[in-house]
Amino acid sequence: MGKKDPRIDTYIDKAQQFAKPILKFLRKVVHAGCPAVEETIKWRMPHFDYNGGILCGMAAFKEHCAFHFKNGELVFGTRAKEEEAMGQFGRITSIVDLPNEKTLIATCEGRRS
């Protein structure tokens, strides 16, 4: 069973209004794709660890969010979106900027193997 960190709740509560649903969605997806994931804060941003290493992380900024998988280039290849913002998904300003839930869950499942 995974472990939730109350500091992530605090991080989400302090985020800009547009970012809250994005962060909640990403958190839900990561836990669905990797039930044994453990939440933590690293570099003042929420991260999700699995089996002693970083699986992925997310962040909220003034006007966008970011989400990244550790070694994500192995899954996604080199992406131009990484030039827009941190992570493989570029500047995330809405949930529609992300792949659908099923795709993200499958990516989480695949990254933990």
N, C-alpha and C. Protein backbone atom coordinates (compact mmCIF):
# COMPACT_ATOMS: atom_id res chain seq x y z
N MET A 1 0.84 -1.19 0.00
CA MET A 1 0.00 0.00 0.00
C MET A 1 0.88 1.24 0.00
N GLY A 2 0.53 2.21 -0.81
CA GLY A 2 1.28 3.44 -0.92
C GLY A 2 1.18 4.30 0.32
N LYS A 3 1.97 5.34 0.32
CA LYS A 3 2.02 6.23 1.48
C LYS A 3 1.79 7.66 1.00
N LYS A 4 0.79 8.30 1.56
CA LYS A 4 0.53 9.71 1.25
C LYS A 4 1.24 10.59 2.27
N ASP A 5 1.68 11.73 1.79
CA ASP A 5 2.41 12.68 2.63
C ASP A 5 1.54 13.93 2.79
N PRO A 6 1.21 14.31 4.01
CA PRO A 6 0.36 15.49 4.22
C PRO A 6 0.97 16.78 3.67
N ARG A 7 2.26 16.79 3.45
CA ARG A 7 2.90 17.98 2.88
C ARG A 7 2.44 18.20 1.43
N ILE A 8 2.03 17.13 0.76
CA ILE A 8 1.52 17.26 -0.60
C ILE A 8 0.16 17.97 -0.57
N ASP A 9 -0.67 17.62 0.43
CA ASP A 9 -1.95 18.32 0.60
C ASP A 9 -1.71 19.81 0.79
N THR A 10 -0.76 20.16 1.62
CA THR A 10 -0.42 21.56 1.88
C THR A 10 0.07 22.23 0.60
N TYR A 11 0.92 21.54 -0.15
CA TYR A 11 1.45 22.08 -1.41
C TYR A 11 0.29 22.40 -2.36
N ILE A 12 -0.63 21.45 -2.50
CA ILE A 12 -1.77 21.65 -3.40
C ILE A 12 -2.65 22.80 -2.91
N ASP A 13 -2.90 22.86 -1.61
CA ASP A 13 -3.73 23.93 -1.05
C ASP A 13 -3.13 25.31 -1.30
N LYS A 14 -1.82 25.41 -1.33
CA LYS A 14 -1.15 26.70 -1.53
C LYS A 14 -0.97 27.06 -3.01
N ALA A 15 -1.26 26.13 -3.90
CA ALA A 15 -1.06 26.36 -5.34
C ALA A 15 -2.10 27.35 -5.88
N GLN A 16 -1.80 27.92 -7.03
CA GLN A 16 -2.74 28.79 -7.71
C GLN A 16 -4.04 28.01 -7.98
N GLN A 17 -5.14 28.71 -8.09
CA GLN A 17 -6.45 28.07 -8.26
C GLN A 17 -6.50 27.14 -9.47
N PHE A 18 -5.94 27.58 -10.62
CA PHE A 18 -5.97 26.76 -11.82
C PHE A 18 -5.20 25.45 -11.64
N ALA A 19 -4.18 25.47 -10.77
CA ALA A 19 -3.29 24.32 -10.61
C ALA A 19 -3.87 23.21 -9.74
N LYS A 20 -4.75 23.55 -8.84
CA LYS A 20 -5.27 22.56 -7.89
C LYS A 20 -5.89 21.34 -8.54
N PRO A 21 -6.80 21.50 -9.52
CA PRO A 21 -7.37 20.29 -10.13
C PRO A 21 -6.33 19.47 -10.91
N ILE A 22 -5.36 20.13 -11.48
CA ILE A 22 -4.29 19.44 -12.22
C ILE A 22 -3.48 18.59 -11.25
N LEU A 23 -3.04 19.18 -10.16
CA LEU A 23 -2.23 18.46 -9.18
C LEU A 23 -3.00 17.30 -8.54
N LYS A 24 -4.27 17.54 -8.24
CA LYS A 24 -5.09 16.46 -7.66
C LYS A 24 -5.26 15.32 -8.66
N PHE A 25 -5.47 15.65 -9.92
CA PHE A 25 -5.61 14.65 -10.97
C PHE A 25 -4.33 13.83 -11.10
N LEU A 26 -3.19 14.50 -11.18
CA LEU A 26 -1.91 13.80 -11.33
C LEU A 26 -1.64 12.89 -10.13
N ARG A 27 -1.92 13.38 -8.95
CA ARG A 27 -1.73 12.57 -7.74
C ARG A 27 -2.58 11.31 -7.80
N LYS A 28 -3.83 11.46 -8.18
CA LYS A 28 -4.75 10.32 -8.27
C LYS A 28 -4.25 9.31 -9.31
N VAL A 29 -3.82 9.79 -10.45
CA VAL A 29 -3.34 8.93 -11.52
C VAL A 29 -2.09 8.15 -11.09
N VAL A 30 -1.15 8.84 -10.45
CA VAL A 30 0.07 8.16 -10.01
C VAL A 30 -0.26 7.05 -9.03
N HIS A 31 -1.14 7.31 -8.09
CA HIS A 31 -1.51 6.28 -7.12
C HIS A 31 -2.27 5.13 -7.78
N ALA A 32 -3.08 5.43 -8.78
CA ALA A 32 -3.80 4.38 -9.50
C ALA A 32 -2.84 3.50 -10.31
N GLY A 33 -1.83 4.12 -10.91
CA GLY A 33 -0.87 3.39 -11.72
C GLY A 33 0.20 2.68 -10.93
N CYS A 34 0.41 3.11 -9.71
CA CYS A 34 1.44 2.50 -8.86
C CYS A 34 0.98 2.57 -7.41
N PRO A 35 0.14 1.64 -7.00
CA PRO A 35 -0.44 1.68 -5.65
C PRO A 35 0.60 1.68 -4.51
N ALA A 36 1.80 1.22 -4.77
CA ALA A 36 2.82 1.16 -3.72
C ALA A 36 3.70 2.42 -3.67
N VAL A 37 3.36 3.43 -4.46
CA VAL A 37 4.16 4.65 -4.51
C VAL A 37 4.14 5.36 -3.15
N GLU A 38 5.24 6.03 -2.84
CA GLU A 38 5.33 6.83 -1.61
C GLU A 38 5.57 8.28 -1.98
N GLU A 39 4.76 9.15 -1.42
CA GLU A 39 4.88 10.58 -1.67
C GLU A 39 5.96 11.20 -0.79
N THR A 40 6.59 12.21 -1.32
CA THR A 40 7.57 12.97 -0.56
C THR A 40 7.73 14.35 -1.21
N ILE A 41 8.49 15.20 -0.56
CA ILE A 41 8.86 16.50 -1.12
C ILE A 41 10.36 16.46 -1.36
N LYS A 42 10.74 16.77 -2.59
CA LYS A 42 12.16 16.90 -2.95
C LYS A 42 12.30 18.18 -3.75
N TRP A 43 13.32 18.94 -3.45
CA TRP A 43 13.55 20.21 -4.13
C TRP A 43 12.31 21.10 -4.07
N ARG A 44 11.60 21.03 -2.94
CA ARG A 44 10.40 21.82 -2.64
C ARG A 44 9.23 21.52 -3.58
N MET A 45 9.24 20.34 -4.20
CA MET A 45 8.17 19.92 -5.10
C MET A 45 7.74 18.50 -4.77
N PRO A 46 6.47 18.17 -4.99
CA PRO A 46 5.99 16.81 -4.75
C PRO A 46 6.65 15.80 -5.70
N HIS A 47 7.09 14.72 -5.12
CA HIS A 47 7.66 13.60 -5.88
C HIS A 47 7.02 12.31 -5.40
N PHE A 48 7.09 11.32 -6.26
CA PHE A 48 6.54 10.02 -5.97
C PHE A 48 7.66 9.00 -6.13
N ASP A 49 7.98 8.33 -5.05
CA ASP A 49 9.06 7.35 -5.05
C ASP A 49 8.49 5.94 -5.10
N TYR A 50 9.21 5.08 -5.79
CA TYR A 50 8.82 3.67 -5.85
C TYR A 50 10.08 2.83 -5.74
N ASN A 51 10.05 1.87 -4.84
CA ASN A 51 11.14 0.92 -4.71
C ASN A 51 12.48 1.63 -4.46
N GLY A 52 12.45 2.70 -3.67
CA GLY A 52 13.67 3.40 -3.29
C GLY A 52 14.15 4.46 -4.27
N GLY A 53 13.45 4.67 -5.37
CA GLY A 53 13.89 5.67 -6.34
C GLY A 53 12.73 6.53 -6.80
N ILE A 54 13.07 7.62 -7.46
CA ILE A 54 12.05 8.54 -7.96
C ILE A 54 11.33 7.92 -9.15
N LEU A 55 10.01 7.91 -9.08
CA LEU A 55 9.18 7.48 -10.21
C LEU A 55 8.83 8.70 -11.06
N CYS A 56 8.30 9.75 -10.39
CA CYS A 56 7.89 10.96 -11.11
C CYS A 56 7.73 12.10 -10.12
N GLY A 57 7.49 13.28 -10.65
CA GLY A 57 7.29 14.45 -9.81
C GLY A 57 6.41 15.47 -10.51
N MET A 58 5.89 16.38 -9.74
CA MET A 58 5.03 17.43 -10.28
C MET A 58 5.35 18.74 -9.59
N ALA A 59 4.96 19.82 -10.23
CA ALA A 59 5.20 21.14 -9.65
C ALA A 59 4.15 22.11 -10.15
N ALA A 60 3.87 23.12 -9.35
CA ALA A 60 2.97 24.20 -9.73
C ALA A 60 3.74 25.50 -9.68
N PHE A 61 3.57 26.28 -10.71
CA PHE A 61 4.20 27.58 -10.80
C PHE A 61 3.12 28.65 -10.93
N LYS A 62 3.51 29.86 -11.16
CA LYS A 62 2.57 30.98 -11.21
C LYS A 62 1.51 30.80 -12.30
N GLU A 63 1.93 30.33 -13.48
CA GLU A 63 1.00 30.25 -14.60
C GLU A 63 0.91 28.88 -15.26
N HIS A 64 1.64 27.90 -14.75
CA HIS A 64 1.56 26.56 -15.33
C HIS A 64 2.02 25.52 -14.32
N CYS A 65 1.74 24.27 -14.65
CA CYS A 65 2.22 23.13 -13.86
C CYS A 65 3.19 22.33 -14.72
N ALA A 66 3.92 21.45 -14.08
CA ALA A 66 4.82 20.56 -14.80
C ALA A 66 4.70 19.16 -14.19
N PHE A 67 4.94 18.16 -15.01
CA PHE A 67 4.90 16.77 -14.57
C PHE A 67 5.99 16.03 -15.33
N HIS A 68 6.76 15.25 -14.61
CA HIS A 68 7.85 14.53 -15.28
C HIS A 68 8.02 13.14 -14.69
N PHE A 69 8.44 12.24 -15.56
CA PHE A 69 8.85 10.91 -15.14
C PHE A 69 10.36 10.85 -15.13
N LYS A 70 10.91 10.23 -14.12
CA LYS A 70 12.36 10.02 -14.07
C LYS A 70 12.74 9.21 -15.31
N ASN A 71 13.75 9.62 -16.00
CA ASN A 71 14.19 8.97 -17.24
C ASN A 71 13.05 8.88 -18.25
N GLY A 72 12.22 9.88 -18.27
CA GLY A 72 11.06 9.89 -19.15
C GLY A 72 11.41 9.82 -20.63
N GLU A 73 12.61 10.24 -20.99
CA GLU A 73 13.00 10.17 -22.39
C GLU A 73 13.02 8.73 -22.90
N LEU A 74 13.18 7.77 -21.99
CA LEU A 74 13.14 6.36 -22.38
C LEU A 74 11.74 5.94 -22.81
N VAL A 75 10.72 6.60 -22.25
CA VAL A 75 9.33 6.30 -22.59
C VAL A 75 8.85 7.19 -23.74
N PHE A 76 9.15 8.48 -23.64
CA PHE A 76 8.58 9.45 -24.56
C PHE A 76 9.53 9.87 -25.68
N GLY A 77 10.81 9.53 -25.56
CA GLY A 77 11.79 10.03 -26.51
C GLY A 77 12.04 11.51 -26.25
N THR A 78 12.82 12.13 -27.07
CA THR A 78 13.08 13.56 -26.92
C THR A 78 11.85 14.32 -27.40
N ARG A 79 11.43 15.27 -26.62
CA ARG A 79 10.21 16.01 -26.94
C ARG A 79 10.50 17.51 -26.96
N ALA A 80 9.93 18.18 -27.91
CA ALA A 80 10.07 19.64 -27.96
C ALA A 80 9.40 20.29 -26.77
N LYS A 81 8.38 19.64 -26.20
CA LYS A 81 7.65 20.24 -25.07
C LYS A 81 8.56 20.46 -23.87
N GLU A 82 9.64 19.71 -23.75
CA GLU A 82 10.56 19.91 -22.63
C GLU A 82 11.22 21.28 -22.70
N GLU A 83 11.25 21.86 -23.88
CA GLU A 83 11.81 23.21 -24.02
C GLU A 83 10.83 24.26 -23.50
N GLU A 84 9.53 23.94 -23.48
CA GLU A 84 8.51 24.86 -22.98
C GLU A 84 8.54 24.96 -21.47
N ALA A 85 8.76 23.82 -20.81
CA ALA A 85 8.72 23.76 -19.35
C ALA A 85 9.34 22.45 -18.90
N MET A 86 9.61 22.35 -17.62
CA MET A 86 10.16 21.14 -17.04
C MET A 86 9.23 19.95 -17.31
N GLY A 87 9.78 18.82 -17.66
CA GLY A 87 8.99 17.61 -17.82
C GLY A 87 8.61 17.31 -19.26
N GLN A 88 8.08 16.12 -19.45
CA GLN A 88 7.76 15.64 -20.79
C GLN A 88 6.47 16.21 -21.36
N PHE A 89 5.71 16.95 -20.59
CA PHE A 89 4.40 17.41 -21.03
C PHE A 89 4.34 18.91 -21.25
N GLY A 90 5.46 19.59 -21.15
CA GLY A 90 5.49 21.02 -21.38
C GLY A 90 4.69 21.81 -20.35
N ARG A 91 4.23 22.97 -20.74
CA ARG A 91 3.45 23.84 -19.85
C ARG A 91 2.03 23.29 -19.72
N ILE A 92 1.67 22.89 -18.53
CA ILE A 92 0.33 22.36 -18.27
C ILE A 92 -0.48 23.45 -17.59
N THR A 93 -1.52 23.90 -18.27
CA THR A 93 -2.39 24.94 -17.70
C THR A 93 -3.80 24.42 -17.44
N SER A 94 -4.06 23.20 -17.90
CA SER A 94 -5.37 22.58 -17.74
C SER A 94 -5.19 21.07 -17.87
N ILE A 95 -6.13 20.31 -17.34
CA ILE A 95 -6.07 18.85 -17.44
C ILE A 95 -6.07 18.42 -18.91
N VAL A 96 -6.70 19.19 -19.78
CA VAL A 96 -6.74 18.82 -21.20
C VAL A 96 -5.36 18.88 -21.87
N ASP A 97 -4.39 19.49 -21.21
CA ASP A 97 -3.02 19.52 -21.73
C ASP A 97 -2.29 18.20 -21.51
N LEU A 98 -2.90 17.31 -20.77
CA LEU A 98 -2.29 16.02 -20.43
C LEU A 98 -2.91 14.90 -21.25
N PRO A 99 -2.16 13.78 -21.41
CA PRO A 99 -2.80 12.60 -21.99
C PRO A 99 -3.97 12.17 -21.10
N ASN A 100 -4.86 11.33 -21.63
CA ASN A 100 -6.00 10.90 -20.84
C ASN A 100 -5.55 10.03 -19.66
N GLU A 101 -6.45 9.86 -18.72
CA GLU A 101 -6.16 9.14 -17.48
C GLU A 101 -5.64 7.73 -17.74
N LYS A 102 -6.26 7.02 -18.66
CA LYS A 102 -5.86 5.64 -18.96
C LYS A 102 -4.41 5.58 -19.45
N THR A 103 -4.03 6.50 -20.31
CA THR A 103 -2.67 6.55 -20.84
C THR A 103 -1.67 6.86 -19.73
N LEU A 104 -1.99 7.83 -18.88
CA LEU A 104 -1.09 8.18 -17.78
C LEU A 104 -0.94 7.03 -16.79
N ILE A 105 -2.03 6.36 -16.47
CA ILE A 105 -1.97 5.22 -15.55
C ILE A 105 -1.08 4.13 -16.14
N ALA A 106 -1.25 3.85 -17.42
CA ALA A 106 -0.43 2.83 -18.08
C ALA A 106 1.05 3.22 -18.05
N THR A 107 1.34 4.51 -18.20
CA THR A 107 2.72 4.98 -18.15
C THR A 107 3.29 4.78 -16.75
N CYS A 108 2.51 5.09 -15.71
CA CYS A 108 2.96 4.87 -14.33
C CYS A 108 3.23 3.38 -14.10
N GLU A 109 2.32 2.55 -14.58
CA GLU A 109 2.50 1.11 -14.41
C GLU A 109 3.76 0.64 -15.12
N GLY A 110 3.98 1.14 -16.31
CA GLY A 110 5.17 0.75 -17.09
C GLY A 110 6.47 1.23 -16.48
N ARG A 111 6.48 2.40 -15.87
CA ARG A 111 7.70 2.97 -15.29
C ARG A 111 8.15 2.22 -14.05
N ARG A 112 7.25 1.55 -13.37
CA ARG A 112 7.65 0.87 -12.14
C ARG A 112 8.19 -0.53 -12.41
N SER A 113 8.10 -1.03 -13.64
CA SER A 113 8.61 -2.36 -13.93
C SER A 113 10.12 -2.36 -14.05
